[in-house]
Amino acid sequence: MKISKPSIILVKPQLPENIGLVARAMQNCGLKKLILVSPKKQWPNKKALDASANANIIIKNTKVFNSLNLALSSFHYVIAT
């Protein structure tokens, strides 16, 4: 069985700075895949990039979807908080 690291999905995030801080926390924990669903502000965003500190690669590789169903279509196991 292949073990893969989890992806982080943010649904309708309002502030780009918060997205950047999530990317920074992900970097600290060794997570690499960030997915956004309908972000409120234009993406990509300089404020998110600035807040991400050294997690620029996570910000640059972030995938954006218009619906949660599309974002989850490739997942087999999902946990929500």
C-alpha atoms as a PDB file:
ATOM      1  CA  MET A   1       0.000   0.000   0.000  1.00  0.00           C
ATOM      2  CA  LYS A   2       1.352   3.406  -0.971  1.00  0.00           C
ATOM      3  CA  ILE A   3       1.397   5.895   1.888  1.00  0.00           C
ATOM      4  CA  SER A   4       1.143   9.513   0.855  1.00  0.00           C
ATOM      5  CA  LYS A   5       1.194  12.675   2.913  1.00  0.00           C
ATOM      6  CA  PRO A   6      -2.105  14.486   3.342  1.00  0.00           C
ATOM      7  CA  SER A   7      -3.190  17.470   1.326  1.00  0.00           C
ATOM      8  CA  ILE A   8      -4.564  20.581   3.002  1.00  0.00           C
ATOM      9  CA  ILE A   9      -7.743  22.026   1.493  1.00  0.00           C
ATOM     10  CA  LEU A  10      -8.994  25.495   2.366  1.00  0.00           C
ATOM     11  CA  VAL A  11     -12.587  26.251   1.342  1.00  0.00           C
ATOM     12  CA  LYS A  12     -13.409  29.892   0.570  1.00  0.00           C
ATOM     13  CA  PRO A  13     -10.423  31.382   2.417  1.00  0.00           C
ATOM     14  CA  GLN A  14     -10.950  35.108   2.904  1.00  0.00           C
ATOM     15  CA  LEU A  15      -7.506  36.571   3.590  1.00  0.00           C
ATOM     16  CA  PRO A  16      -4.462  35.854   1.430  1.00  0.00           C
ATOM     17  CA  GLU A  17      -2.262  36.304   4.492  1.00  0.00           C
ATOM     18  CA  ASN A  18      -3.977  33.350   6.158  1.00  0.00           C
ATOM     19  CA  ILE A  19      -3.269  31.197   3.116  1.00  0.00           C
ATOM     20  CA  GLY A  20       0.388  32.191   3.335  1.00  0.00           C
ATOM     21  CA  LEU A  21       0.523  31.327   7.029  1.00  0.00           C
ATOM     22  CA  VAL A  22      -1.053  27.929   6.347  1.00  0.00           C
ATOM     23  CA  ALA A  23       1.622  27.291   3.697  1.00  0.00           C
ATOM     24  CA  ARG A  24       4.288  28.256   6.222  1.00  0.00           C
ATOM     25  CA  ALA A  25       2.865  25.851   8.829  1.00  0.00           C
ATOM     26  CA  MET A  26       2.680  23.130   6.160  1.00  0.00           C
ATOM     27  CA  GLN A  27       6.354  23.660   5.313  1.00  0.00           C
ATOM     28  CA  ASN A  28       7.249  23.281   8.997  1.00  0.00           C
ATOM     29  CA  CYS A  29       5.361  19.970   9.131  1.00  0.00           C
ATOM     30  CA  GLY A  30       6.699  18.571   5.858  1.00  0.00           C
ATOM     31  CA  LEU A  31       3.411  18.865   3.951  1.00  0.00           C
ATOM     32  CA  LYS A  32       3.531  19.962   0.318  1.00  0.00           C
ATOM     33  CA  LYS A  33       0.069  19.945  -1.300  1.00  0.00           C
ATOM     34  CA  LEU A  34      -2.222  22.937  -0.734  1.00  0.00           C
ATOM     35  CA  ILE A  35      -5.601  23.158  -2.455  1.00  0.00           C
ATOM     36  CA  LEU A  36      -7.888  26.199  -2.466  1.00  0.00           C
ATOM     37  CA  VAL A  37     -11.596  26.127  -3.201  1.00  0.00           C
ATOM     38  CA  SER A  38     -13.063  29.458  -4.323  1.00  0.00           C
ATOM     39  CA  PRO A  39     -10.651  31.842  -2.621  1.00  0.00           C
ATOM     40  CA  LYS A  40     -12.180  35.277  -2.012  1.00  0.00           C
ATOM     41  CA  LYS A  41      -9.202  37.202  -3.426  1.00  0.00           C
ATOM     42  CA  GLN A  42      -7.456  36.879  -6.790  1.00  0.00           C
ATOM     43  CA  TRP A  43      -4.986  33.970  -6.900  1.00  0.00           C
ATOM     44  CA  PRO A  44      -1.983  33.896  -6.925  1.00  0.00           C
ATOM     45  CA  ASN A  45      -1.627  36.729  -4.463  1.00  0.00           C
ATOM     46  CA  LYS A  46       1.462  38.665  -3.341  1.00  0.00           C
ATOM     47  CA  LYS A  47       0.197  38.982   0.250  1.00  0.00           C
ATOM     48  CA  ALA A  48      -0.043  35.197   0.528  1.00  0.00           C
ATOM     49  CA  LEU A  49       3.421  34.811  -0.933  1.00  0.00           C
ATOM     50  CA  ASP A  50       4.879  37.378   1.490  1.00  0.00           C
ATOM     51  CA  ALA A  51       3.219  35.743   4.522  1.00  0.00           C
ATOM     52  CA  SER A  52       4.447  32.292   3.522  1.00  0.00           C
ATOM     53  CA  ALA A  53       8.088  33.146   4.385  1.00  0.00           C
ATOM     54  CA  ASN A  54      10.135  30.241   2.971  1.00  0.00           C
ATOM     55  CA  ALA A  55       7.133  28.237   1.799  1.00  0.00           C
ATOM     56  CA  ASN A  56       7.047  29.889  -1.636  1.00  0.00           C
ATOM     57  CA  ILE A  57       7.113  26.553  -3.458  1.00  0.00           C
ATOM     58  CA  ILE A  58       3.884  25.502  -1.721  1.00  0.00           C
ATOM     59  CA  ILE A  59       2.205  28.772  -2.724  1.00  0.00           C
ATOM     60  CA  LYS A  60       3.424  28.454  -6.321  1.00  0.00           C
ATOM     61  CA  ASN A  61       2.196  24.837  -6.592  1.00  0.00           C
ATOM     62  CA  THR A  62      -1.208  25.501  -5.018  1.00  0.00           C
ATOM     63  CA  LYS A  63      -4.121  24.142  -7.020  1.00  0.00           C
ATOM     64  CA  VAL A  64      -7.359  26.141  -7.193  1.00  0.00           C
ATOM     65  CA  PHE A  65     -10.829  24.697  -7.781  1.00  0.00           C
ATOM     66  CA  ASN A  66     -14.240  26.326  -8.161  1.00  0.00           C
ATOM     67  CA  SER A  67     -16.095  23.656  -6.191  1.00  0.00           C
ATOM     68  CA  LEU A  68     -15.395  21.337  -3.298  1.00  0.00           C
ATOM     69  CA  ASN A  69     -16.658  18.348  -5.299  1.00  0.00           C
ATOM     70  CA  LEU A  70     -14.025  18.953  -7.990  1.00  0.00           C
ATOM     71  CA  ALA A  71     -11.298  19.449  -5.383  1.00  0.00           C
ATOM     72  CA  LEU A  72     -12.182  16.150  -3.700  1.00  0.00           C
ATOM     73  CA  SER A  73     -12.698  14.101  -6.859  1.00  0.00           C
ATOM     74  CA  SER A  74      -9.263  12.426  -6.700  1.00  0.00           C
ATOM     75  CA  PHE A  75      -9.389  11.597  -2.984  1.00  0.00           C
ATOM     76  CA  HIS A  76     -10.514   8.310  -1.470  1.00  0.00           C
ATOM     77  CA  TYR A  77     -10.386   9.327   2.192  1.00  0.00           C
ATOM     78  CA  VAL A  78     -11.309  12.769   3.531  1.00  0.00           C
ATOM     79  CA  ILE A  79     -11.320  14.192   7.048  1.00  0.00           C
ATOM     80  CA  ALA A  80     -12.877  17.592   7.703  1.00  0.00           C
ATOM     81  CA  THR A  81     -12.417  19.929  10.638  1.00  0.00           C
END
